[in-house]
Amino acid sequence: MFKLSQNYPNPFNPNTVINFNSPVSGNVKLSVYDLSGKQIKVLLNEYKQAGYYSVNFNGAGLSSGIYIYELNNDREKLIKYMTLIK
């Protein structure tokens, strides 16, 4: 089962880690959006073997607030929220 974990720490300032597990190999994209839906950053967009992965996110240039991170592959899309506090 494709799984996206809650970022840690949350709330964060300015660094956090996003973990995910992919049971099958394939293209994986991890993106961050603001609450208006504007894409802030693509953290990952590449082919990955099945396995467990950790991705670091630095929000140093962003304002305090709630952000959305989205993980998708060819079959599923998973979304979670994270809070940046400066």
N, C-alpha and C. Protein backbone atom coordinates (compact mmCIF):
# COMPACT_ATOMS: atom_id res chain seq x y z
N MET A 1 0.84 -1.19 0.00
CA MET A 1 0.00 0.00 0.00
C MET A 1 0.88 1.25 0.00
N PHE A 2 0.62 2.15 -0.91
CA PHE A 2 1.30 3.44 -0.99
C PHE A 2 0.98 4.20 0.29
N LYS A 3 2.00 4.71 0.99
CA LYS A 3 1.76 5.37 2.27
C LYS A 3 2.57 6.65 2.38
N LEU A 4 1.90 7.71 2.84
CA LEU A 4 2.51 9.01 3.09
C LEU A 4 2.40 9.29 4.57
N SER A 5 3.52 9.53 5.24
CA SER A 5 3.52 9.81 6.67
C SER A 5 3.40 11.30 6.93
N GLN A 6 2.95 11.64 8.14
CA GLN A 6 2.91 13.04 8.56
C GLN A 6 4.34 13.54 8.68
N ASN A 7 4.59 14.75 8.21
CA ASN A 7 5.93 15.30 8.31
C ASN A 7 6.34 15.41 9.78
N TYR A 8 7.66 15.41 10.01
CA TYR A 8 8.17 15.53 11.38
C TYR A 8 9.39 16.42 11.37
N PRO A 9 9.50 17.39 12.24
CA PRO A 9 8.46 17.79 13.20
C PRO A 9 7.36 18.59 12.51
N ASN A 10 6.24 18.67 13.17
CA ASN A 10 5.10 19.45 12.68
C ASN A 10 4.37 20.02 13.89
N PRO A 11 4.35 21.32 14.08
CA PRO A 11 4.87 22.40 13.23
C PRO A 11 6.40 22.36 13.13
N PHE A 12 6.91 23.04 12.10
CA PHE A 12 8.35 23.05 11.87
C PHE A 12 8.85 24.46 11.61
N ASN A 13 10.18 24.64 11.76
CA ASN A 13 10.83 25.93 11.48
C ASN A 13 12.33 25.71 11.35
N PRO A 14 12.92 25.85 10.23
CA PRO A 14 12.33 25.87 8.90
C PRO A 14 12.40 24.50 8.21
N ASN A 15 13.00 23.48 8.87
CA ASN A 15 13.20 22.19 8.22
C ASN A 15 12.26 21.12 8.76
N THR A 16 11.85 20.23 7.86
CA THR A 16 11.02 19.09 8.25
C THR A 16 11.34 17.93 7.32
N VAL A 17 10.93 16.73 7.72
CA VAL A 17 11.18 15.53 6.93
C VAL A 17 9.84 14.89 6.58
N ILE A 18 9.70 14.50 5.32
CA ILE A 18 8.50 13.82 4.84
C ILE A 18 8.90 12.41 4.43
N ASN A 19 8.25 11.41 5.02
CA ASN A 19 8.54 10.01 4.73
C ASN A 19 7.40 9.40 3.93
N PHE A 20 7.75 8.48 3.04
CA PHE A 20 6.72 7.75 2.32
C PHE A 20 7.22 6.36 1.97
N ASN A 21 6.27 5.48 1.72
CA ASN A 21 6.57 4.10 1.36
C ASN A 21 5.83 3.77 0.07
N SER A 22 6.56 3.21 -0.86
CA SER A 22 5.96 2.78 -2.12
C SER A 22 6.17 1.28 -2.29
N PRO A 23 5.09 0.50 -2.39
CA PRO A 23 5.22 -0.95 -2.50
C PRO A 23 5.63 -1.43 -3.89
N VAL A 24 5.53 -0.55 -4.87
CA VAL A 24 5.90 -0.91 -6.24
C VAL A 24 6.81 0.16 -6.82
N SER A 25 7.63 -0.23 -7.76
CA SER A 25 8.50 0.72 -8.45
C SER A 25 7.68 1.55 -9.43
N GLY A 26 8.11 2.80 -9.64
CA GLY A 26 7.43 3.67 -10.59
C GLY A 26 7.78 5.12 -10.37
N ASN A 27 7.20 5.99 -11.20
CA ASN A 27 7.44 7.41 -11.06
C ASN A 27 6.69 7.94 -9.84
N VAL A 28 7.37 8.74 -9.04
CA VAL A 28 6.81 9.31 -7.82
C VAL A 28 7.04 10.81 -7.84
N LYS A 29 6.00 11.56 -7.50
CA LYS A 29 6.12 13.02 -7.44
C LYS A 29 5.65 13.50 -6.07
N LEU A 30 6.48 14.33 -5.42
CA LEU A 30 6.15 14.92 -4.13
C LEU A 30 6.22 16.44 -4.28
N SER A 31 5.09 17.11 -4.07
CA SER A 31 5.00 18.56 -4.27
C SER A 31 4.45 19.24 -3.04
N VAL A 32 4.79 20.53 -2.89
CA VAL A 32 4.28 21.36 -1.79
C VAL A 32 3.47 22.50 -2.39
N TYR A 33 2.30 22.77 -1.80
CA TYR A 33 1.39 23.83 -2.26
C TYR A 33 1.01 24.72 -1.09
N ASP A 34 0.67 25.97 -1.41
CA ASP A 34 0.07 26.82 -0.38
C ASP A 34 -1.44 26.53 -0.36
N LEU A 35 -2.16 27.16 0.56
CA LEU A 35 -3.59 26.86 0.69
C LEU A 35 -4.44 27.35 -0.48
N SER A 36 -3.90 28.24 -1.29
CA SER A 36 -4.64 28.68 -2.48
C SER A 36 -4.47 27.70 -3.64
N GLY A 37 -3.60 26.69 -3.46
CA GLY A 37 -3.37 25.70 -4.50
C GLY A 37 -2.17 25.98 -5.38
N LYS A 38 -1.45 27.06 -5.10
CA LYS A 38 -0.27 27.41 -5.88
C LYS A 38 0.88 26.47 -5.49
N GLN A 39 1.49 25.87 -6.52
CA GLN A 39 2.62 24.98 -6.25
C GLN A 39 3.82 25.81 -5.80
N ILE A 40 4.36 25.45 -4.64
CA ILE A 40 5.51 26.15 -4.07
C ILE A 40 6.82 25.50 -4.52
N LYS A 41 6.83 24.16 -4.47
CA LYS A 41 8.06 23.45 -4.80
C LYS A 41 7.76 21.99 -5.13
N VAL A 42 8.52 21.45 -6.07
CA VAL A 42 8.50 20.01 -6.36
C VAL A 42 9.73 19.44 -5.66
N LEU A 43 9.50 18.60 -4.66
CA LEU A 43 10.60 18.03 -3.89
C LEU A 43 11.18 16.78 -4.55
N LEU A 44 10.34 16.09 -5.31
CA LEU A 44 10.77 14.84 -5.92
C LEU A 44 9.90 14.58 -7.13
N ASN A 45 10.50 14.20 -8.24
CA ASN A 45 9.75 13.81 -9.43
C ASN A 45 10.65 12.89 -10.25
N GLU A 46 10.65 11.62 -9.86
CA GLU A 46 11.54 10.67 -10.51
C GLU A 46 11.09 9.24 -10.29
N TYR A 47 11.71 8.35 -11.02
CA TYR A 47 11.44 6.92 -10.88
C TYR A 47 12.09 6.43 -9.60
N LYS A 48 11.34 5.70 -8.79
CA LYS A 48 11.86 5.13 -7.54
C LYS A 48 11.55 3.64 -7.49
N GLN A 49 12.49 2.88 -7.00
CA GLN A 49 12.25 1.47 -6.73
C GLN A 49 11.29 1.37 -5.55
N ALA A 50 10.62 0.25 -5.42
CA ALA A 50 9.77 0.02 -4.25
C ALA A 50 10.62 0.17 -3.00
N GLY A 51 10.08 0.84 -1.96
CA GLY A 51 10.85 1.01 -0.73
C GLY A 51 10.36 2.19 0.08
N TYR A 52 11.13 2.48 1.13
CA TYR A 52 10.83 3.55 2.09
C TYR A 52 11.79 4.70 1.82
N TYR A 53 11.25 5.93 1.76
CA TYR A 53 12.06 7.09 1.44
C TYR A 53 11.78 8.24 2.39
N SER A 54 12.79 9.08 2.59
CA SER A 54 12.69 10.31 3.39
C SER A 54 13.15 11.47 2.52
N VAL A 55 12.37 12.56 2.56
CA VAL A 55 12.70 13.76 1.78
C VAL A 55 12.71 14.95 2.73
N ASN A 56 13.77 15.75 2.68
CA ASN A 56 13.87 16.95 3.52
C ASN A 56 13.22 18.14 2.80
N PHE A 57 12.55 18.97 3.59
CA PHE A 57 11.95 20.19 3.05
C PHE A 57 12.38 21.36 3.92
N ASN A 58 12.89 22.41 3.27
CA ASN A 58 13.31 23.63 3.96
C ASN A 58 12.36 24.75 3.57
N GLY A 59 11.64 25.27 4.55
CA GLY A 59 10.68 26.33 4.31
C GLY A 59 11.20 27.71 4.67
N ALA A 60 12.53 27.90 4.63
CA ALA A 60 13.14 29.16 5.06
C ALA A 60 12.61 30.38 4.31
N GLY A 61 12.29 30.26 3.04
CA GLY A 61 11.83 31.41 2.27
C GLY A 61 10.33 31.62 2.28
N LEU A 62 9.63 30.84 3.08
CA LEU A 62 8.16 30.91 3.11
C LEU A 62 7.65 31.63 4.34
N SER A 63 6.42 32.10 4.27
CA SER A 63 5.76 32.73 5.41
C SER A 63 5.18 31.66 6.32
N SER A 64 4.97 32.02 7.57
CA SER A 64 4.29 31.12 8.50
C SER A 64 2.92 30.78 7.95
N GLY A 65 2.49 29.54 8.16
CA GLY A 65 1.17 29.15 7.69
C GLY A 65 1.06 27.66 7.47
N ILE A 66 -0.07 27.27 6.93
CA ILE A 66 -0.34 25.86 6.64
C ILE A 66 -0.05 25.61 5.16
N TYR A 67 0.63 24.52 4.90
CA TYR A 67 0.97 24.12 3.54
C TYR A 67 0.49 22.69 3.31
N ILE A 68 0.26 22.37 2.05
CA ILE A 68 -0.20 21.04 1.65
C ILE A 68 0.96 20.34 0.96
N TYR A 69 1.16 19.08 1.30
CA TYR A 69 2.10 18.30 0.49
C TYR A 69 1.37 17.11 -0.10
N GLU A 70 1.70 16.85 -1.36
CA GLU A 70 0.99 15.84 -2.15
C GLU A 70 1.98 14.85 -2.73
N LEU A 71 1.68 13.58 -2.56
CA LEU A 71 2.49 12.51 -3.12
C LEU A 71 1.62 11.74 -4.11
N ASN A 72 2.13 11.54 -5.32
CA ASN A 72 1.36 10.73 -6.25
C ASN A 72 2.26 9.85 -7.10
N ASN A 73 1.65 8.76 -7.52
CA ASN A 73 2.31 7.86 -8.47
C ASN A 73 1.33 7.63 -9.61
N ASP A 74 1.48 6.59 -10.37
CA ASP A 74 0.62 6.37 -11.52
C ASP A 74 -0.81 5.97 -11.13
N ARG A 75 -1.01 5.54 -9.88
CA ARG A 75 -2.32 5.03 -9.47
C ARG A 75 -3.00 5.80 -8.34
N GLU A 76 -2.23 6.46 -7.49
CA GLU A 76 -2.79 7.06 -6.28
C GLU A 76 -2.27 8.47 -6.06
N LYS A 77 -3.04 9.24 -5.28
CA LYS A 77 -2.64 10.57 -4.84
C LYS A 77 -2.95 10.66 -3.35
N LEU A 78 -1.96 11.05 -2.55
CA LEU A 78 -2.13 11.20 -1.11
C LEU A 78 -1.77 12.63 -0.72
N ILE A 79 -2.54 13.19 0.22
CA ILE A 79 -2.34 14.59 0.63
C ILE A 79 -2.31 14.69 2.14
N LYS A 80 -1.41 15.54 2.65
CA LYS A 80 -1.35 15.85 4.08
C LYS A 80 -1.04 17.34 4.23
N TYR A 81 -1.22 17.84 5.44
CA TYR A 81 -0.98 19.24 5.75
C TYR A 81 0.19 19.36 6.72
N MET A 82 0.90 20.49 6.61
CA MET A 82 1.98 20.79 7.55
C MET A 82 1.94 22.27 7.90
N THR A 83 2.46 22.60 9.06
CA THR A 83 2.40 23.96 9.57
C THR A 83 3.81 24.51 9.78
N LEU A 84 4.08 25.63 9.14
CA LEU A 84 5.35 26.34 9.30
C LEU A 84 5.12 27.50 10.27
N ILE A 85 5.90 27.53 11.35
CA ILE A 85 5.81 28.62 12.34
C ILE A 85 7.17 29.26 12.45
N LYS A 86 7.21 30.58 12.19
CA LYS A 86 8.48 31.31 12.30
C LYS A 86 8.49 32.19 13.51
